[in-house]
Structure formats: C-alpha cells, structure tokens
Amino acid sequence: MRMRATLGVVTGALALSVVAVPVAQADEVHGDTAISNVVVNGGKPAVVGAVATKTITVSFTVKDGSGVDWAQAILYHGADIDSSDSGAVANSGDGRATCTQVSATTANCKSTFDLEPAANLINSVAGTWKVWAIAAGNDADYVQKDNAKSFQVQRLSKLTVNASPEPVKKGKTITVTGKLTRANWERGTYNGYSTQPVKLQFRKKGSNTYTTVKTIKTNTYGDLKTTVTASVDGYFRYSFAGTTTTPAVNATGDFVDVQ
C-alpha cells in the first residue's frame, strides 16, 4: 500500500499528528475489499460547544472474501486529506478501528474521535468534514477511500427572547428582543452571530403550534429587536433555521398576558 507515516496539520496553535495517510488522493481498490455503511455521530451533525471536548463515533462495514484483517478511519477538513487544515485520528493506541467479525467475510468496525475547541477545532474549520478510510483483507487486498462519508461539524448556537411589557393592554405595542450567539472555539466563549435571518414566531395560549409573524436579521452583535401589536395571550419566540456551520435553534417561548 502506498502510505506515508505521518502528516502534520498546523494552523496557528492547531497541531495534529495522524498515524497513516495516503500518498495518492484518489480512491484505490485492490481486490475485493469493500467499505460501506459509514455512519458518523449517529447520522447527526457534530455540534460542539465553546469549551468542552466532544467525542463522536464513526462506524462502518468492511467486507473481503478472505476475511477482514484491519481498518482505519481519519477525519479531516479540506478539499482532500493531503491539503487538509484540520483533522482527528482515532482514540485507539494505534489509530486503527475496532473491528468485530460478523461472518467469515464481514466485520463491523468502529472508532471514536475527539473534537476539541482551540485544538483541532478553530472557527474557520466549522462546516463540512470528511472521513478518509482504508481497510485490508487477510489476503492483502485493500480499499482506500478519500471521502468515505461527509458530515457537518458545527458551532453550538444559543438564542434568547424577551417580550415586554408584561402584562400589556390589547392594541398596545410589544417589544421583542433577543440575541443569537454561537461558540467561539478559539476564545472559549459565545459571541453574537451577525446579519442572520431569524423568525419571530407566536403561539396562542392553548395552542401547540407556532406561526411566523415576521423575519428580521441580527445586528453586528447578534442582537434582535422588533415590535408587534398586542392581541391575545400567548408565547413569543425567535427561531433560527441554522447554517452549514451553525445548528438551528429555537428560543424558549416568553409568555405575554394581554389584558
């Protein structure tokens, strides 16, 4: 197999050493070894807060007519693994996956990976990541995939709302404020997410359904502010649809008593 021993990925304070990566960027198949059913983090985006390390699991199936010898997966951000600007190697001692044989020709393989703010996570690498994977059979056949699966790594978002005054007379003006923030992995804080469209929604008392009243944008600091006319008792909330780098989030509804 055309492999080299190590790859250093450095961006500022970020440094990653991986056990093995390919010389060639393109997929390679030698023999009948196959990788399939790649699942990252249970099929959900990996959403990481400002400080705490998030551990995610990658699972996949390997098949080879002679039986499965070993397998390995590496996570990375970039056009391809050779030009990646961040990544993660499996938490196992040798970087390889733990493979459980389910038949003479098939194994289910699994690895865990750590995504750590201010280490292999900086703000610029939020978005689409990829899984590089390789597996070998007992007869030395192997398959290498540069992008076995794509997935999202996102900066945790938070959203608040406050509707006032409370109570309010029917026909009077209600001012609804709030703030949209997201994790800053480099600073370990939550900072305002600017110029993002956010929906103001209302749920009438006794109802389970929110309807959109209007859509406004956050300012430079992530702040939200708008006004509506008081009509009936109910709950106001802000709702953010999310982006590729930041997950969707709804504020907890704020009840307004209209008299």
C-alpha atoms as a PDB file:
ATOM      1  CA  MET A   1       0.000   0.000   0.000  1.00  0.00           C
ATOM      2  CA  ARG A   2       1.227   3.451  -0.854  1.00  0.00           C
ATOM      3  CA  MET A   3       1.226   5.026   2.575  1.00  0.00           C
ATOM      4  CA  ARG A   4       3.435   7.508   4.340  1.00  0.00           C
ATOM      5  CA  ALA A   5       3.965   7.521   8.070  1.00  0.00           C
ATOM      6  CA  THR A   6       2.784  10.901   9.313  1.00  0.00           C
ATOM      7  CA  LEU A   7       1.054  14.091   8.342  1.00  0.00           C
ATOM      8  CA  GLY A   8       1.391  17.343  10.267  1.00  0.00           C
ATOM      9  CA  VAL A   9      -1.552  19.717  10.026  1.00  0.00           C
ATOM     10  CA  VAL A  10      -0.760  23.096  11.577  1.00  0.00           C
ATOM     11  CA  THR A  11      -2.934  26.194  11.746  1.00  0.00           C
ATOM     12  CA  GLY A  12      -1.763  28.606  14.440  1.00  0.00           C
ATOM     13  CA  ALA A  13      -1.945  26.673  17.695  1.00  0.00           C
ATOM     14  CA  LEU A  14      -3.501  23.690  15.940  1.00  0.00           C
ATOM     15  CA  ALA A  15      -1.271  20.650  15.502  1.00  0.00           C
ATOM     16  CA  LEU A  16      -2.384  17.145  14.553  1.00  0.00           C
ATOM     17  CA  SER A  17      -0.353  14.009  14.014  1.00  0.00           C
ATOM     18  CA  VAL A  18      -2.000  11.064  12.332  1.00  0.00           C
ATOM     19  CA  VAL A  19      -0.867   7.507  12.110  1.00  0.00           C
ATOM     20  CA  ALA A  20      -1.191   6.938   8.366  1.00  0.00           C
ATOM     21  CA  VAL A  21      -2.446   8.815   5.345  1.00  0.00           C
ATOM     22  CA  PRO A  22      -2.308   8.099   1.634  1.00  0.00           C
ATOM     23  CA  VAL A  23       0.259   9.324  -0.837  1.00  0.00           C
ATOM     24  CA  ALA A  24      -2.400   9.328  -3.552  1.00  0.00           C
ATOM     25  CA  GLN A  25      -5.534  11.424  -3.073  1.00  0.00           C
ATOM     26  CA  ALA A  26      -7.762   9.337  -5.323  1.00  0.00           C
ATOM     27  CA  ASP A  27      -9.632   6.243  -4.162  1.00  0.00           C
ATOM     28  CA  GLU A  28      -7.833   2.934  -4.616  1.00  0.00           C
ATOM     29  CA  VAL A  29      -9.226  -0.585  -4.814  1.00  0.00           C
ATOM     30  CA  HIS A  30      -7.037  -3.674  -4.966  1.00  0.00           C
ATOM     31  CA  GLY A  31      -9.019  -6.906  -4.936  1.00  0.00           C
ATOM     32  CA  ASP A  32     -12.461  -7.395  -3.423  1.00  0.00           C
ATOM     33  CA  THR A  33     -12.177  -5.427  -0.164  1.00  0.00           C
ATOM     34  CA  ALA A  34     -15.106  -3.020   0.309  1.00  0.00           C
ATOM     35  CA  ILE A  35     -16.155  -0.358   2.817  1.00  0.00           C
ATOM     36  CA  SER A  36     -19.836   0.521   3.215  1.00  0.00           C
ATOM     37  CA  ASN A  37     -22.461   1.800   5.668  1.00  0.00           C
ATOM     38  CA  VAL A  38     -20.314   4.629   7.045  1.00  0.00           C
ATOM     39  CA  VAL A  39     -22.152   6.440   9.856  1.00  0.00           C
ATOM     40  CA  VAL A  40     -20.741   9.448  11.714  1.00  0.00           C
ATOM     41  CA  ASN A  41     -22.145  10.527  15.084  1.00  0.00           C
ATOM     42  CA  GLY A  42     -25.310   8.514  14.605  1.00  0.00           C
ATOM     43  CA  GLY A  43     -26.051  10.355  11.374  1.00  0.00           C
ATOM     44  CA  LYS A  44     -26.313  13.736  13.096  1.00  0.00           C
ATOM     45  CA  PRO A  45     -24.071  16.811  12.793  1.00  0.00           C
ATOM     46  CA  ALA A  46     -21.337  17.004  15.416  1.00  0.00           C
ATOM     47  CA  VAL A  47     -22.294  20.118  17.386  1.00  0.00           C
ATOM     48  CA  VAL A  48     -19.516  21.345  19.666  1.00  0.00           C
ATOM     49  CA  GLY A  49     -19.723  23.970  22.404  1.00  0.00           C
ATOM     50  CA  ALA A  50     -17.199  26.665  23.228  1.00  0.00           C
ATOM     51  CA  VAL A  51     -15.058  24.689  25.668  1.00  0.00           C
ATOM     52  CA  ALA A  52     -15.877  21.012  26.177  1.00  0.00           C
ATOM     53  CA  THR A  53     -14.384  18.275  24.004  1.00  0.00           C
ATOM     54  CA  LYS A  54     -16.957  16.256  22.066  1.00  0.00           C
ATOM     55  CA  THR A  55     -16.301  12.580  21.379  1.00  0.00           C
ATOM     56  CA  ILE A  56     -18.010  11.137  18.322  1.00  0.00           C
ATOM     57  CA  THR A  57     -18.218   7.610  16.920  1.00  0.00           C
ATOM     58  CA  VAL A  58     -17.643   6.528  13.335  1.00  0.00           C
ATOM     59  CA  SER A  59     -18.858   3.064  12.322  1.00  0.00           C
ATOM     60  CA  PHE A  60     -18.605   1.224   9.020  1.00  0.00           C
ATOM     61  CA  THR A  61     -18.801  -2.234   7.486  1.00  0.00           C
ATOM     62  CA  VAL A  62     -15.849  -3.967   5.819  1.00  0.00           C
ATOM     63  CA  LYS A  63     -16.101  -6.993   3.528  1.00  0.00           C
ATOM     64  CA  ASP A  64     -13.386  -9.166   1.993  1.00  0.00           C
ATOM     65  CA  GLY A  65     -13.608 -12.707   0.620  1.00  0.00           C
ATOM     66  CA  SER A  66     -10.603 -13.793   2.658  1.00  0.00           C
ATOM     67  CA  GLY A  67     -11.803 -12.128   5.858  1.00  0.00           C
ATOM     68  CA  VAL A  68     -11.067  -8.687   7.311  1.00  0.00           C
ATOM     69  CA  ASP A  69      -7.577  -8.003   8.642  1.00  0.00           C
ATOM     70  CA  TRP A  70      -7.756  -4.378   9.802  1.00  0.00           C
ATOM     71  CA  ALA A  71      -9.338  -0.985   9.104  1.00  0.00           C
ATOM     72  CA  GLN A  72      -8.724   2.653   9.894  1.00  0.00           C
ATOM     73  CA  ALA A  73     -10.599   5.943   9.552  1.00  0.00           C
ATOM     74  CA  ILE A  74      -9.350   9.516   9.822  1.00  0.00           C
ATOM     75  CA  LEU A  75     -11.486  12.670   9.981  1.00  0.00           C
ATOM     76  CA  TYR A  76     -10.406  15.792   8.150  1.00  0.00           C
ATOM     77  CA  HIS A  77     -11.495  19.233   6.941  1.00  0.00           C
ATOM     78  CA  GLY A  78     -10.449  20.354   3.482  1.00  0.00           C
ATOM     79  CA  ALA A  79     -10.701  19.585  -0.212  1.00  0.00           C
ATOM     80  CA  ASP A  80      -8.711  16.366   0.312  1.00  0.00           C
ATOM     81  CA  ILE A  81      -6.661  14.836   3.086  1.00  0.00           C
ATOM     82  CA  ASP A  82      -3.314  15.995   1.697  1.00  0.00           C
ATOM     83  CA  SER A  83      -4.430  19.644   1.771  1.00  0.00           C
ATOM     84  CA  SER A  84      -6.497  19.421   4.959  1.00  0.00           C
ATOM     85  CA  ASP A  85      -6.275  22.175   7.558  1.00  0.00           C
ATOM     86  CA  SER A  86      -7.563  20.138  10.496  1.00  0.00           C
ATOM     87  CA  GLY A  87      -8.481  16.590  11.411  1.00  0.00           C
ATOM     88  CA  ALA A  88      -8.685  13.880  14.029  1.00  0.00           C
ATOM     89  CA  VAL A  89      -7.180  10.429  14.381  1.00  0.00           C
ATOM     90  CA  ALA A  90      -8.982   7.650  16.245  1.00  0.00           C
ATOM     91  CA  ASN A  91      -8.586   7.420  20.014  1.00  0.00           C
ATOM     92  CA  SER A  92      -7.180   3.881  19.847  1.00  0.00           C
ATOM     93  CA  GLY A  93      -3.499   3.397  20.601  1.00  0.00           C
ATOM     94  CA  ASP A  94      -2.554   2.588  17.002  1.00  0.00           C
ATOM     95  CA  GLY A  95      -5.215   4.725  15.321  1.00  0.00           C
ATOM     96  CA  ARG A  96      -6.999   1.713  13.913  1.00  0.00           C
ATOM     97  CA  ALA A  97     -10.665   0.836  14.241  1.00  0.00           C
ATOM     98  CA  THR A  98     -12.022  -1.898  16.471  1.00  0.00           C
ATOM     99  CA  CYS A  99     -13.499  -4.494  14.118  1.00  0.00           C
ATOM    100  CA  THR A 100     -15.934  -7.177  15.193  1.00  0.00           C
ATOM    101  CA  GLN A 101     -16.304 -10.150  12.877  1.00  0.00           C
ATOM    102  CA  VAL A 102     -19.928 -10.899  11.987  1.00  0.00           C
ATOM    103  CA  SER A 103     -19.196 -13.565   9.366  1.00  0.00           C
ATOM    104  CA  ALA A 104     -16.228 -15.166   7.638  1.00  0.00           C
ATOM    105  CA  THR A 105     -16.085 -12.261   5.175  1.00  0.00           C
ATOM    106  CA  THR A 106     -17.620  -9.309   7.036  1.00  0.00           C
ATOM    107  CA  ALA A 107     -16.714  -7.152  10.031  1.00  0.00           C
ATOM    108  CA  ASN A 108     -18.354  -4.169  11.689  1.00  0.00           C
ATOM    109  CA  CYS A 109     -15.705  -1.565  12.547  1.00  0.00           C
ATOM    110  CA  LYS A 110     -15.891   1.369  14.934  1.00  0.00           C
ATOM    111  CA  SER A 111     -13.674   4.211  16.159  1.00  0.00           C
ATOM    112  CA  THR A 112     -14.118   7.197  18.446  1.00  0.00           C
ATOM    113  CA  PHE A 113     -12.649  10.641  17.786  1.00  0.00           C
ATOM    114  CA  ASP A 114     -12.224  13.767  19.898  1.00  0.00           C
ATOM    115  CA  LEU A 115     -13.216  17.187  18.579  1.00  0.00           C
ATOM    116  CA  GLU A 116     -11.634  19.756  20.879  1.00  0.00           C
ATOM    117  CA  PRO A 117     -12.100  23.544  20.803  1.00  0.00           C
ATOM    118  CA  ALA A 118      -8.830  25.502  20.467  1.00  0.00           C
ATOM    119  CA  ALA A 119      -7.048  22.273  19.438  1.00  0.00           C
ATOM    120  CA  ASN A 120      -8.288  20.583  16.276  1.00  0.00           C
ATOM    121  CA  LEU A 121     -11.280  22.949  16.197  1.00  0.00           C
ATOM    122  CA  ILE A 122     -10.891  26.600  15.245  1.00  0.00           C
ATOM    123  CA  ASN A 123     -13.714  28.738  13.902  1.00  0.00           C
ATOM    124  CA  SER A 124     -12.649  28.528  10.270  1.00  0.00           C
ATOM    125  CA  VAL A 125     -12.980  24.729  10.130  1.00  0.00           C
ATOM    126  CA  ALA A 126     -16.681  24.645  11.040  1.00  0.00           C
ATOM    127  CA  GLY A 127     -18.729  23.108   8.245  1.00  0.00           C
ATOM    128  CA  THR A 128     -18.219  20.035   6.099  1.00  0.00           C
ATOM    129  CA  TRP A 129     -15.702  17.403   7.224  1.00  0.00           C
ATOM    130  CA  LYS A 130     -14.891  14.088   5.558  1.00  0.00           C
ATOM    131  CA  VAL A 131     -13.966  10.557   6.555  1.00  0.00           C
ATOM    132  CA  TRP A 132     -10.858   9.065   4.956  1.00  0.00           C
ATOM    133  CA  ALA A 133     -10.932   5.279   5.352  1.00  0.00           C
ATOM    134  CA  ILE A 134      -8.857   2.229   4.494  1.00  0.00           C
ATOM    135  CA  ALA A 135      -9.417  -1.471   5.089  1.00  0.00           C
ATOM    136  CA  ALA A 136      -7.400  -4.594   4.303  1.00  0.00           C
ATOM    137  CA  GLY A 137      -8.271  -8.249   3.868  1.00  0.00           C
ATOM    138  CA  ASN A 138      -6.322 -11.230   5.127  1.00  0.00           C
ATOM    139  CA  ASP A 139      -5.051 -11.780   1.583  1.00  0.00           C
ATOM    140  CA  ALA A 140      -3.547  -8.240   1.417  1.00  0.00           C
ATOM    141  CA  ASP A 141      -6.332  -6.894  -0.792  1.00  0.00           C
ATOM    142  CA  TYR A 142      -7.337  -3.399   0.298  1.00  0.00           C
ATOM    143  CA  VAL A 143      -9.582  -0.423  -0.420  1.00  0.00           C
ATOM    144  CA  GLN A 144      -8.832   3.228   0.291  1.00  0.00           C
ATOM    145  CA  LYS A 145     -11.478   5.977   0.159  1.00  0.00           C
ATOM    146  CA  ASP A 146     -10.542   9.645   0.278  1.00  0.00           C
ATOM    147  CA  ASN A 147     -14.129  10.623   1.144  1.00  0.00           C
ATOM    148  CA  ALA A 148     -15.994   7.648   2.545  1.00  0.00           C
ATOM    149  CA  LYS A 149     -18.537   9.989   4.149  1.00  0.00           C
ATOM    150  CA  SER A 150     -19.128  13.727   4.542  1.00  0.00           C
ATOM    151  CA  PHE A 151     -20.579  15.199   7.729  1.00  0.00           C
ATOM    152  CA  GLN A 152     -21.045  18.542   9.467  1.00  0.00           C
ATOM    153  CA  VAL A 153     -19.063  19.888  12.419  1.00  0.00           C
ATOM    154  CA  GLN A 154     -20.933  22.880  13.839  1.00  0.00           C
ATOM    155  CA  ARG A 155     -20.515  25.644  16.408  1.00  0.00           C
ATOM    156  CA  LEU A 156     -23.192  25.294  19.127  1.00  0.00           C
ATOM    157  CA  SER A 157     -25.798  28.080  18.924  1.00  0.00           C
ATOM    158  CA  LYS A 158     -27.910  29.759  21.603  1.00  0.00           C
ATOM    159  CA  LEU A 159     -30.958  32.000  21.209  1.00  0.00           C
ATOM    160  CA  THR A 160     -32.864  34.120  23.734  1.00  0.00           C
ATOM    161  CA  VAL A 161     -36.116  36.099  23.667  1.00  0.00           C
ATOM    162  CA  ASN A 162     -37.829  38.646  25.882  1.00  0.00           C
ATOM    163  CA  ALA A 163     -41.236  40.161  25.148  1.00  0.00           C
ATOM    164  CA  SER A 164     -42.286  43.226  27.139  1.00  0.00           C
ATOM    165  CA  PRO A 165     -44.142  44.825  28.790  1.00  0.00           C
ATOM    166  CA  GLU A 166     -45.849  42.034  30.691  1.00  0.00           C
ATOM    167  CA  PRO A 167     -48.807  42.287  31.124  1.00  0.00           C
ATOM    168  CA  VAL A 168     -49.847  44.542  28.246  1.00  0.00           C
ATOM    169  CA  LYS A 169     -53.121  46.085  27.150  1.00  0.00           C
ATOM    170  CA  LYS A 170     -54.690  44.891  23.906  1.00  0.00           C
ATOM    171  CA  GLY A 171     -53.699  47.102  20.991  1.00  0.00           C
ATOM    172  CA  LYS A 172     -50.526  48.351  22.666  1.00  0.00           C
ATOM    173  CA  THR A 173     -47.007  47.741  21.399  1.00  0.00           C
ATOM    174  CA  ILE A 174     -44.946  44.749  22.486  1.00  0.00           C
ATOM    175  CA  THR A 175     -41.184  44.992  22.066  1.00  0.00           C
ATOM    176  CA  VAL A 176     -39.468  41.641  21.458  1.00  0.00           C
ATOM    177  CA  THR A 177     -35.721  41.478  21.979  1.00  0.00           C
ATOM    178  CA  GLY A 178     -33.277  38.591  21.859  1.00  0.00           C
ATOM    179  CA  LYS A 179     -29.781  37.504  20.970  1.00  0.00           C
ATOM    180  CA  LEU A 180     -28.284  34.825  18.723  1.00  0.00           C
ATOM    181  CA  THR A 181     -24.853  33.578  19.750  1.00  0.00           C
ATOM    182  CA  ARG A 182     -22.608  30.682  18.801  1.00  0.00           C
ATOM    183  CA  ALA A 183     -19.495  29.023  20.145  1.00  0.00           C
ATOM    184  CA  ASN A 184     -16.181  30.733  19.506  1.00  0.00           C
ATOM    185  CA  TRP A 185     -13.803  27.770  19.623  1.00  0.00           C
ATOM    186  CA  GLU A 186     -10.709  29.938  19.730  1.00  0.00           C
ATOM    187  CA  ARG A 187     -11.787  32.101  22.675  1.00  0.00           C
ATOM    188  CA  GLY A 188     -13.863  29.586  24.622  1.00  0.00           C
ATOM    189  CA  THR A 189     -16.839  31.988  24.630  1.00  0.00           C
ATOM    190  CA  TYR A 190     -20.181  32.544  22.915  1.00  0.00           C
ATOM    191  CA  ASN A 191     -20.280  35.527  20.583  1.00  0.00           C
ATOM    192  CA  GLY A 192     -23.042  37.198  18.588  1.00  0.00           C
ATOM    193  CA  TYR A 193     -23.846  35.755  15.159  1.00  0.00           C
ATOM    194  CA  SER A 194     -24.292  38.796  12.943  1.00  0.00           C
ATOM    195  CA  THR A 195     -26.629  39.516   9.996  1.00  0.00           C
ATOM    196  CA  GLN A 196     -28.530  36.241  10.277  1.00  0.00           C
ATOM    197  CA  PRO A 197     -32.240  35.915   9.379  1.00  0.00           C
ATOM    198  CA  VAL A 198     -34.307  34.935  12.405  1.00  0.00           C
ATOM    199  CA  LYS A 199     -38.055  34.367  12.556  1.00  0.00           C
ATOM    200  CA  LEU A 200     -40.252  35.899  15.235  1.00  0.00           C
ATOM    201  CA  GLN A 201     -42.958  33.347  15.990  1.00  0.00           C
ATOM    202  CA  PHE A 202     -46.124  33.377  18.106  1.00  0.00           C
ATOM    203  CA  ARG A 203     -48.109  30.592  19.756  1.00  0.00           C
ATOM    204  CA  LYS A 204     -51.582  31.438  21.037  1.00  0.00           C
ATOM    205  CA  LYS A 205     -52.356  30.311  24.578  1.00  0.00           C
ATOM    206  CA  GLY A 206     -53.874  26.820  24.438  1.00  0.00           C
ATOM    207  CA  SER A 207     -52.271  26.028  21.077  1.00  0.00           C
ATOM    208  CA  ASN A 208     -49.285  23.785  20.364  1.00  0.00           C
ATOM    209  CA  THR A 209     -48.302  25.448  17.104  1.00  0.00           C
ATOM    210  CA  TYR A 210     -46.062  28.437  16.464  1.00  0.00           C
ATOM    211  CA  THR A 211     -46.676  30.616  13.410  1.00  0.00           C
ATOM    212  CA  THR A 212     -44.207  33.069  11.912  1.00  0.00           C
ATOM    213  CA  VAL A 213     -45.024  36.736  12.454  1.00  0.00           C
ATOM    214  CA  LYS A 214     -42.048  38.256  10.639  1.00  0.00           C
ATOM    215  CA  THR A 215     -38.397  37.665   9.813  1.00  0.00           C
ATOM    216  CA  ILE A 216     -35.665  40.068  10.924  1.00  0.00           C
ATOM    217  CA  LYS A 217     -31.859  39.984  10.914  1.00  0.00           C
ATOM    218  CA  THR A 218     -29.449  40.076  13.800  1.00  0.00           C
ATOM    219  CA  ASN A 219     -27.240  43.151  14.077  1.00  0.00           C
ATOM    220  CA  THR A 220     -23.442  43.164  14.235  1.00  0.00           C
ATOM    221  CA  TYR A 221     -23.556  41.825  17.798  1.00  0.00           C
ATOM    222  CA  GLY A 222     -26.194  39.161  17.212  1.00  0.00           C
ATOM    223  CA  ASP A 223     -28.926  41.251  18.841  1.00  0.00           C
ATOM    224  CA  LEU A 224     -32.580  41.096  17.785  1.00  0.00           C
ATOM    225  CA  LYS A 225     -35.278  43.719  18.285  1.00  0.00           C
ATOM    226  CA  THR A 226     -38.709  44.276  16.758  1.00  0.00           C
ATOM    227  CA  THR A 227     -42.230  45.314  17.738  1.00  0.00           C
ATOM    228  CA  VAL A 228     -45.701  43.814  17.352  1.00  0.00           C
ATOM    229  CA  THR A 229     -49.209  44.807  18.410  1.00  0.00           C
ATOM    230  CA  ALA A 230     -50.721  43.008  21.407  1.00  0.00           C
ATOM    231  CA  SER A 231     -53.805  40.993  20.504  1.00  0.00           C
ATOM    232  CA  VAL A 232     -54.236  37.796  22.566  1.00  0.00           C
ATOM    233  CA  ASP A 233     -52.416  35.904  25.320  1.00  0.00           C
ATOM    234  CA  GLY A 234     -49.590  33.765  24.037  1.00  0.00           C
ATOM    235  CA  TYR A 235     -45.915  32.972  23.663  1.00  0.00           C
ATOM    236  CA  PHE A 236     -43.307  34.732  21.543  1.00  0.00           C
ATOM    237  CA  ARG A 237     -40.089  33.085  20.470  1.00  0.00           C
ATOM    238  CA  TYR A 238     -37.274  33.587  17.988  1.00  0.00           C
ATOM    239  CA  SER A 239     -36.389  30.722  15.632  1.00  0.00           C
ATOM    240  CA  PHE A 240     -33.109  30.347  13.728  1.00  0.00           C
ATOM    241  CA  ALA A 241     -33.009  27.903  10.799  1.00  0.00           C
ATOM    242  CA  GLY A 242     -29.250  27.282  11.045  1.00  0.00           C
ATOM    243  CA  THR A 243     -26.398  27.277   8.529  1.00  0.00           C
ATOM    244  CA  THR A 244     -23.792  24.720   7.479  1.00  0.00           C
ATOM    245  CA  THR A 245     -21.547  25.930  10.319  1.00  0.00           C
ATOM    246  CA  THR A 246     -24.175  26.546  12.998  1.00  0.00           C
ATOM    247  CA  PRO A 247     -27.180  24.410  14.021  1.00  0.00           C
ATOM    248  CA  ALA A 248     -30.802  25.508  14.104  1.00  0.00           C
ATOM    249  CA  VAL A 249     -32.105  26.701  17.462  1.00  0.00           C
ATOM    250  CA  ASN A 250     -35.374  27.929  18.970  1.00  0.00           C
ATOM    251  CA  ALA A 251     -35.625  30.248  21.947  1.00  0.00           C
ATOM    252  CA  THR A 252     -37.863  29.168  24.813  1.00  0.00           C
ATOM    253  CA  GLY A 253     -41.205  30.910  24.392  1.00  0.00           C
ATOM    254  CA  ASP A 254     -41.871  34.021  26.527  1.00  0.00           C
ATOM    255  CA  PHE A 255     -45.487  34.346  27.663  1.00  0.00           C
ATOM    256  CA  VAL A 256     -47.301  37.676  27.368  1.00  0.00           C
ATOM    257  CA  ASP A 257     -50.566  38.337  29.230  1.00  0.00           C
ATOM    258  CA  VAL A 258     -52.777  40.602  27.105  1.00  0.00           C
ATOM    259  CA  GLN A 259     -55.448  42.410  29.111  1.00  0.00           C
END
